[in-house]
Amino acid sequence: MNLIPNIPAKVFSFSAVAIGYLLIDDLTANEQNALGNWLMLVAQVLSTNAFYKQVEAERNGTTQSVPNDMSHTNKTTSTSEEETIIMMQKMINALTKEVNDLKAKYNV
């Protein structure tokens, strides 16, 4: 299962910021808090599991190879750049829609 997109780390991080801002207006403060806590719990489970796998590998005298900046894929640089552009365009479109919705809501 490949849930992590093949995009630069900064774009991947920015997508989380964009999604967070998009969710703000659709949720109450309590819902935001509940969802945020749930997402943090998911992140802690993933981090704990990944760390423990490293501990097990160290105890067994083996190391897991870590992909070097997307070198684990067979995609060309141009394909990766195209995916980055598409992802950024989607984020821009979503943020533009959110801005326009706010302008309409507040008659700006």
N, C-alpha and C. Protein backbone atom coordinates (compact mmCIF):
# COMPACT_ATOMS: atom_id res chain seq x y z
N MET A 1 0.85 -1.17 0.00
CA MET A 1 0.00 0.00 0.00
C MET A 1 0.89 1.24 0.00
N ASN A 2 0.66 2.12 -0.95
CA ASN A 2 1.47 3.33 -1.05
C ASN A 2 0.60 4.55 -0.83
N LEU A 3 0.47 4.98 0.44
CA LEU A 3 -0.36 6.14 0.77
C LEU A 3 0.39 7.45 0.67
N ILE A 4 1.71 7.38 0.69
CA ILE A 4 2.52 8.59 0.67
C ILE A 4 2.77 9.00 -0.78
N PRO A 5 2.34 10.20 -1.17
CA PRO A 5 2.55 10.62 -2.56
C PRO A 5 4.02 10.86 -2.86
N ASN A 6 4.38 10.75 -4.11
CA ASN A 6 5.75 10.95 -4.54
C ASN A 6 5.97 12.43 -4.86
N ILE A 7 6.00 13.24 -3.81
CA ILE A 7 6.17 14.69 -3.96
C ILE A 7 7.24 15.16 -2.97
N PRO A 8 7.80 16.35 -3.18
CA PRO A 8 8.80 16.86 -2.25
C PRO A 8 8.23 17.03 -0.83
N ALA A 9 9.08 16.93 0.16
CA ALA A 9 8.66 17.00 1.56
C ALA A 9 7.95 18.31 1.89
N LYS A 10 8.42 19.42 1.35
CA LYS A 10 7.79 20.70 1.65
C LYS A 10 6.36 20.77 1.11
N VAL A 11 6.14 20.22 -0.06
CA VAL A 11 4.79 20.20 -0.64
C VAL A 11 3.89 19.28 0.18
N PHE A 12 4.43 18.14 0.59
CA PHE A 12 3.68 17.20 1.41
C PHE A 12 3.27 17.87 2.73
N SER A 13 4.19 18.59 3.35
CA SER A 13 3.89 19.29 4.60
C SER A 13 2.87 20.39 4.37
N PHE A 14 3.02 21.13 3.27
CA PHE A 14 2.08 22.21 2.98
C PHE A 14 0.68 21.66 2.75
N SER A 15 0.58 20.47 2.18
CA SER A 15 -0.74 19.89 1.95
C SER A 15 -1.47 19.67 3.28
N ALA A 16 -0.73 19.31 4.32
CA ALA A 16 -1.34 19.14 5.64
C ALA A 16 -1.85 20.49 6.17
N VAL A 17 -1.09 21.55 5.95
CA VAL A 17 -1.52 22.88 6.36
C VAL A 17 -2.79 23.27 5.61
N ALA A 18 -2.81 23.04 4.31
CA ALA A 18 -3.97 23.39 3.50
C ALA A 18 -5.21 22.61 3.96
N ILE A 19 -5.06 21.32 4.19
CA ILE A 19 -6.20 20.52 4.64
C ILE A 19 -6.69 21.00 6.00
N GLY A 20 -5.75 21.31 6.88
CA GLY A 20 -6.14 21.83 8.20
C GLY A 20 -6.97 23.10 8.10
N TYR A 21 -6.53 24.02 7.27
CA TYR A 21 -7.28 25.27 7.10
C TYR A 21 -8.63 25.03 6.44
N LEU A 22 -8.70 24.09 5.52
CA LEU A 22 -9.97 23.80 4.86
C LEU A 22 -10.98 23.18 5.83
N LEU A 23 -10.51 22.45 6.81
CA LEU A 23 -11.40 21.81 7.78
C LEU A 23 -11.91 22.77 8.85
N ILE A 24 -11.21 23.86 9.07
CA ILE A 24 -11.55 24.76 10.16
C ILE A 24 -13.00 25.24 10.10
N ASP A 25 -13.44 25.72 8.96
CA ASP A 25 -14.78 26.32 8.87
C ASP A 25 -15.90 25.30 8.86
N ASP A 26 -15.60 24.05 8.56
CA ASP A 26 -16.65 23.03 8.49
C ASP A 26 -16.91 22.34 9.83
N LEU A 27 -16.11 22.66 10.84
CA LEU A 27 -16.22 21.97 12.13
C LEU A 27 -16.37 22.98 13.26
N THR A 28 -17.11 22.59 14.30
CA THR A 28 -17.18 23.41 15.50
C THR A 28 -15.85 23.30 16.24
N ALA A 29 -15.67 24.14 17.25
CA ALA A 29 -14.43 24.10 18.03
C ALA A 29 -14.25 22.73 18.69
N ASN A 30 -15.33 22.18 19.23
CA ASN A 30 -15.24 20.86 19.86
C ASN A 30 -14.92 19.77 18.85
N GLU A 31 -15.52 19.86 17.66
CA GLU A 31 -15.22 18.88 16.61
C GLU A 31 -13.78 19.00 16.15
N GLN A 32 -13.28 20.24 16.02
CA GLN A 32 -11.89 20.46 15.64
C GLN A 32 -10.96 19.83 16.68
N ASN A 33 -11.27 20.03 17.94
CA ASN A 33 -10.45 19.48 19.02
C ASN A 33 -10.47 17.96 19.00
N ALA A 34 -11.65 17.38 18.82
CA ALA A 34 -11.77 15.92 18.79
C ALA A 34 -10.99 15.34 17.60
N LEU A 35 -11.18 15.94 16.42
CA LEU A 35 -10.48 15.44 15.24
C LEU A 35 -8.97 15.63 15.38
N GLY A 36 -8.55 16.78 15.89
CA GLY A 36 -7.13 17.03 16.09
C GLY A 36 -6.49 16.03 17.04
N ASN A 37 -7.17 15.74 18.13
CA ASN A 37 -6.65 14.75 19.08
C ASN A 37 -6.60 13.36 18.46
N TRP A 38 -7.60 13.02 17.67
CA TRP A 38 -7.61 11.72 17.00
C TRP A 38 -6.45 11.60 16.02
N LEU A 39 -6.23 12.66 15.23
CA LEU A 39 -5.12 12.65 14.27
C LEU A 39 -3.77 12.57 14.98
N MET A 40 -3.64 13.26 16.12
CA MET A 40 -2.39 13.17 16.88
C MET A 40 -2.17 11.76 17.41
N LEU A 41 -3.25 11.10 17.81
CA LEU A 41 -3.13 9.72 18.28
C LEU A 41 -2.68 8.81 17.14
N VAL A 42 -3.25 8.99 15.97
CA VAL A 42 -2.83 8.20 14.81
C VAL A 42 -1.34 8.43 14.54
N ALA A 43 -0.92 9.68 14.59
CA ALA A 43 0.49 10.01 14.35
C ALA A 43 1.40 9.35 15.40
N GLN A 44 0.97 9.35 16.65
CA GLN A 44 1.77 8.72 17.70
C GLN A 44 1.89 7.22 17.50
N VAL A 45 0.81 6.58 17.07
CA VAL A 45 0.85 5.14 16.82
C VAL A 45 1.84 4.85 15.69
N LEU A 46 1.77 5.62 14.61
CA LEU A 46 2.69 5.42 13.48
C LEU A 46 4.14 5.64 13.91
N SER A 47 4.38 6.72 14.66
CA SER A 47 5.74 7.02 15.10
C SER A 47 6.28 5.95 16.04
N THR A 48 5.45 5.52 16.97
CA THR A 48 5.87 4.49 17.92
C THR A 48 6.19 3.19 17.21
N ASN A 49 5.34 2.79 16.28
CA ASN A 49 5.56 1.55 15.54
C ASN A 49 6.85 1.63 14.72
N ALA A 50 7.04 2.74 14.03
CA ALA A 50 8.25 2.89 13.20
C ALA A 50 9.51 2.87 14.07
N PHE A 51 9.46 3.56 15.21
CA PHE A 51 10.61 3.58 16.10
C PHE A 51 10.92 2.19 16.64
N TYR A 52 9.86 1.46 17.03
CA TYR A 52 10.10 0.14 17.59
C TYR A 52 10.66 -0.82 16.55
N LYS A 53 10.26 -0.67 15.31
CA LYS A 53 10.84 -1.48 14.24
C LYS A 53 12.35 -1.21 14.13
N GLN A 54 12.74 0.04 14.31
CA GLN A 54 14.17 0.39 14.28
C GLN A 54 14.89 -0.26 15.46
N VAL A 55 14.25 -0.25 16.64
CA VAL A 55 14.86 -0.88 17.82
C VAL A 55 15.04 -2.38 17.58
N GLU A 56 14.01 -3.04 17.05
CA GLU A 56 14.12 -4.47 16.77
C GLU A 56 15.24 -4.76 15.77
N ALA A 57 15.33 -3.95 14.73
CA ALA A 57 16.37 -4.15 13.72
C ALA A 57 17.75 -3.98 14.35
N GLU A 58 17.89 -2.99 15.22
CA GLU A 58 19.17 -2.76 15.89
C GLU A 58 19.54 -3.94 16.78
N ARG A 59 18.57 -4.48 17.51
CA ARG A 59 18.82 -5.63 18.38
C ARG A 59 19.20 -6.87 17.59
N ASN A 60 18.66 -7.00 16.39
CA ASN A 60 18.97 -8.15 15.54
C ASN A 60 20.22 -7.93 14.71
N GLY A 61 20.83 -6.77 14.85
CA GLY A 61 22.06 -6.49 14.12
C GLY A 61 21.82 -6.15 12.66
N THR A 62 20.61 -5.84 12.31
CA THR A 62 20.31 -5.44 10.94
C THR A 62 19.81 -4.00 10.94
N THR A 63 19.92 -3.39 9.82
CA THR A 63 19.37 -2.04 9.68
C THR A 63 18.45 -2.03 8.49
N GLN A 64 17.42 -1.22 8.60
CA GLN A 64 16.52 -1.06 7.47
C GLN A 64 17.01 0.08 6.62
N SER A 65 17.05 -0.16 5.33
CA SER A 65 17.49 0.93 4.45
C SER A 65 16.39 1.96 4.35
N VAL A 66 16.79 3.20 4.35
CA VAL A 66 15.86 4.30 4.24
C VAL A 66 16.00 4.88 2.84
N PRO A 67 14.89 5.00 2.10
CA PRO A 67 14.97 5.56 0.75
C PRO A 67 15.56 6.95 0.79
N ASN A 68 16.40 7.25 -0.17
CA ASN A 68 17.06 8.54 -0.23
C ASN A 68 16.27 9.47 -1.13
N ASP A 69 15.43 10.29 -0.52
CA ASP A 69 14.68 11.34 -1.23
C ASP A 69 14.02 10.83 -2.51
N MET A 70 13.09 9.91 -2.35
CA MET A 70 12.27 9.40 -3.44
C MET A 70 13.03 8.54 -4.44
N SER A 71 14.26 8.09 -4.13
CA SER A 71 15.00 7.26 -5.06
C SER A 71 14.44 5.84 -5.12
N HIS A 72 13.50 5.53 -4.21
CA HIS A 72 12.91 4.19 -4.19
C HIS A 72 11.89 3.98 -5.29
N THR A 73 11.58 4.99 -6.04
CA THR A 73 10.61 4.84 -7.12
C THR A 73 11.33 4.80 -8.45
N ASN A 74 10.65 4.33 -9.45
CA ASN A 74 11.21 4.28 -10.79
C ASN A 74 10.75 5.44 -11.64
N LYS A 75 10.07 6.39 -11.04
CA LYS A 75 9.55 7.51 -11.80
C LYS A 75 10.65 8.47 -12.18
N THR A 76 10.48 9.11 -13.31
CA THR A 76 11.47 10.08 -13.75
C THR A 76 11.26 11.38 -13.02
N THR A 77 12.26 12.25 -13.09
CA THR A 77 12.17 13.54 -12.44
C THR A 77 11.03 14.36 -13.01
N SER A 78 10.84 14.31 -14.31
CA SER A 78 9.77 15.11 -14.91
C SER A 78 8.41 14.64 -14.42
N THR A 79 8.22 13.34 -14.25
CA THR A 79 6.94 12.84 -13.74
C THR A 79 6.73 13.32 -12.32
N SER A 80 7.78 13.28 -11.51
CA SER A 80 7.69 13.76 -10.14
C SER A 80 7.36 15.25 -10.11
N GLU A 81 7.96 16.01 -10.98
CA GLU A 81 7.67 17.44 -11.05
C GLU A 81 6.24 17.68 -11.51
N GLU A 82 5.76 16.87 -12.45
CA GLU A 82 4.38 17.01 -12.91
C GLU A 82 3.41 16.71 -11.77
N GLU A 83 3.70 15.67 -10.99
CA GLU A 83 2.85 15.33 -9.85
C GLU A 83 2.85 16.46 -8.83
N THR A 84 4.00 17.07 -8.61
CA THR A 84 4.10 18.18 -7.68
C THR A 84 3.25 19.34 -8.16
N ILE A 85 3.33 19.65 -9.44
CA ILE A 85 2.55 20.76 -10.00
C ILE A 85 1.06 20.48 -9.86
N ILE A 86 0.66 19.25 -10.16
CA ILE A 86 -0.77 18.89 -10.05
C ILE A 86 -1.24 19.03 -8.60
N MET A 87 -0.44 18.52 -7.66
CA MET A 87 -0.81 18.59 -6.24
C MET A 87 -0.90 20.05 -5.78
N MET A 88 0.06 20.86 -6.18
CA MET A 88 0.04 22.27 -5.79
C MET A 88 -1.15 22.99 -6.41
N GLN A 89 -1.50 22.66 -7.66
CA GLN A 89 -2.65 23.28 -8.30
C GLN A 89 -3.94 22.92 -7.58
N LYS A 90 -4.05 21.67 -7.13
CA LYS A 90 -5.23 21.26 -6.37
C LYS A 90 -5.32 22.04 -5.06
N MET A 91 -4.19 22.22 -4.39
CA MET A 91 -4.19 22.98 -3.14
C MET A 91 -4.56 24.43 -3.39
N ILE A 92 -4.02 25.02 -4.45
CA ILE A 92 -4.35 26.41 -4.79
C ILE A 92 -5.83 26.54 -5.09
N ASN A 93 -6.38 25.60 -5.86
CA ASN A 93 -7.81 25.64 -6.19
C ASN A 93 -8.67 25.54 -4.93
N ALA A 94 -8.29 24.64 -4.02
CA ALA A 94 -9.06 24.47 -2.79
C ALA A 94 -8.99 25.73 -1.93
N LEU A 95 -7.81 26.31 -1.82
CA LEU A 95 -7.67 27.53 -1.02
C LEU A 95 -8.39 28.71 -1.67
N THR A 96 -8.34 28.80 -3.00
CA THR A 96 -9.04 29.87 -3.71
C THR A 96 -10.54 29.74 -3.49
N LYS A 97 -11.05 28.52 -3.56
CA LYS A 97 -12.48 28.31 -3.30
C LYS A 97 -12.83 28.73 -1.88
N GLU A 98 -11.98 28.38 -0.93
CA GLU A 98 -12.23 28.75 0.47
C GLU A 98 -12.24 30.27 0.63
N VAL A 99 -11.30 30.95 0.01
CA VAL A 99 -11.26 32.42 0.07
C VAL A 99 -12.51 33.02 -0.54
N ASN A 100 -12.91 32.51 -1.70
CA ASN A 100 -14.12 33.02 -2.36
C ASN A 100 -15.36 32.77 -1.53
N ASP A 101 -15.43 31.61 -0.88
CA ASP A 101 -16.57 31.31 -0.01
C ASP A 101 -16.61 32.29 1.18
N LEU A 102 -15.45 32.58 1.74
CA LEU A 102 -15.40 33.54 2.85
C LEU A 102 -15.78 34.94 2.39
N LYS A 103 -15.31 35.34 1.22
CA LYS A 103 -15.69 36.65 0.68
C LYS A 103 -17.19 36.74 0.49
N ALA A 104 -17.79 35.69 -0.05
CA ALA A 104 -19.24 35.69 -0.27
C ALA A 104 -19.99 35.71 1.07
N LYS A 105 -19.48 34.97 2.04
CA LYS A 105 -20.13 34.90 3.34
C LYS A 105 -20.13 36.25 4.05
N TYR A 106 -19.03 36.98 3.92
CA TYR A 106 -18.90 38.25 4.63
C TYR A 106 -19.08 39.45 3.70
N ASN A 107 -19.56 39.21 2.48
CA ASN A 107 -19.84 40.28 1.52
C ASN A 107 -18.65 41.20 1.31
N VAL A 108 -17.48 40.60 1.09
CA VAL A 108 -16.27 41.39 0.88
C VAL A 108 -16.00 41.52 -0.59
